[in-house]
Amino acid sequence: MRTYYFNLNASYEMCEKLYTASTNSVILHSESGERIQIPTLNLRPFVTRVGLKGRFRLIITSENKVFSFEKIT
């Protein structure tokens, strides 16, 4: 398994795109500089009235599937 960390700071208006049928995934840039594509459904639980803000940890299996995505701060 591989672990990636992300600092996200997106407004609520930007997060509205996570709920459109045409947006199935997003590309995030990890703190280590790697680009990671994940399904939008992993981000949706963390959207609040102010948007998507905080530091997150993503764990990927050896088959490149999301094992966990969680907010850590």
Protein backbone atom coordinates (compact mmCIF):
# COMPACT_ATOMS: atom_id res chain seq x y z
CA MET A 1 0.00 0.00 0.00
CA ARG A 2 1.05 3.58 -0.64
CA THR A 3 0.17 6.66 1.39
CA TYR A 4 -0.27 10.20 0.06
CA TYR A 5 -0.97 13.47 1.88
CA PHE A 6 -2.91 16.42 0.52
CA ASN A 7 -3.65 19.96 1.68
CA LEU A 8 -6.99 20.95 0.21
CA ASN A 9 -8.54 24.40 0.19
CA ALA A 10 -11.52 24.63 -2.16
CA SER A 11 -14.50 26.96 -1.83
CA TYR A 12 -18.03 25.61 -1.55
CA GLU A 13 -18.73 26.87 -5.06
CA MET A 14 -15.81 24.85 -6.44
CA CYS A 15 -17.03 21.78 -4.56
CA GLU A 16 -20.44 21.95 -6.23
CA LYS A 17 -18.75 20.44 -9.29
CA LEU A 18 -18.15 17.25 -7.29
CA TYR A 19 -21.88 16.55 -7.48
CA THR A 20 -22.37 16.79 -11.25
CA ALA A 21 -22.85 13.65 -13.30
CA SER A 22 -20.02 14.61 -15.65
CA THR A 23 -17.44 14.76 -12.83
CA ASN A 24 -16.60 11.23 -11.73
CA SER A 25 -13.05 11.85 -10.57
CA VAL A 26 -10.61 14.60 -9.68
CA ILE A 27 -6.86 14.94 -9.89
CA LEU A 28 -5.13 16.00 -6.69
CA HIS A 29 -1.52 17.02 -6.19
CA SER A 30 0.07 15.31 -3.20
CA GLU A 31 2.50 17.04 -0.86
CA SER A 32 5.26 15.01 -2.52
CA GLY A 33 4.31 16.49 -5.91
CA GLU A 34 2.60 13.45 -7.41
CA ARG A 35 -0.69 13.70 -9.31
CA ILE A 36 -3.31 11.28 -8.07
CA GLN A 37 -6.73 10.71 -9.64
CA ILE A 38 -9.49 9.66 -7.21
CA PRO A 39 -13.28 9.27 -7.45
CA THR A 40 -15.27 12.32 -6.37
CA LEU A 41 -17.32 10.19 -3.98
CA ASN A 42 -14.26 10.01 -1.71
CA LEU A 43 -14.25 13.81 -1.33
CA ARG A 44 -17.98 14.43 -0.92
CA PRO A 45 -18.25 13.46 2.78
CA PHE A 46 -15.76 16.19 3.68
CA VAL A 47 -17.48 19.12 1.95
CA THR A 48 -18.88 21.64 4.45
CA ARG A 49 -20.52 25.06 4.15
CA VAL A 50 -17.08 26.61 3.72
CA GLY A 51 -15.95 24.05 1.15
CA LEU A 52 -13.23 21.43 1.34
CA LYS A 53 -10.45 22.48 3.68
CA GLY A 54 -7.79 20.62 5.63
CA ARG A 55 -5.08 18.02 5.40
CA PHE A 56 -6.02 14.57 4.13
CA ARG A 57 -4.41 11.14 3.92
CA LEU A 58 -5.06 8.74 1.04
CA ILE A 59 -4.03 5.10 1.19
CA ILE A 60 -3.95 3.16 -2.09
CA THR A 61 -3.79 -0.63 -2.42
CA SER A 62 -1.28 -2.41 -4.63
CA GLU A 63 -4.13 -2.68 -7.20
CA ASN A 64 -4.40 1.15 -7.25
CA LYS A 65 -7.76 1.16 -5.45
CA VAL A 66 -8.63 3.59 -2.66
CA PHE A 67 -8.22 1.80 0.67
CA SER A 68 -9.00 4.87 2.76
CA PHE A 69 -9.32 8.62 2.44
CA GLU A 70 -9.53 10.57 5.67
CA LYS A 71 -9.17 14.06 7.05
CA ILE A 72 -6.30 14.26 9.51
CA THR A 73 -6.38 17.99 10.49
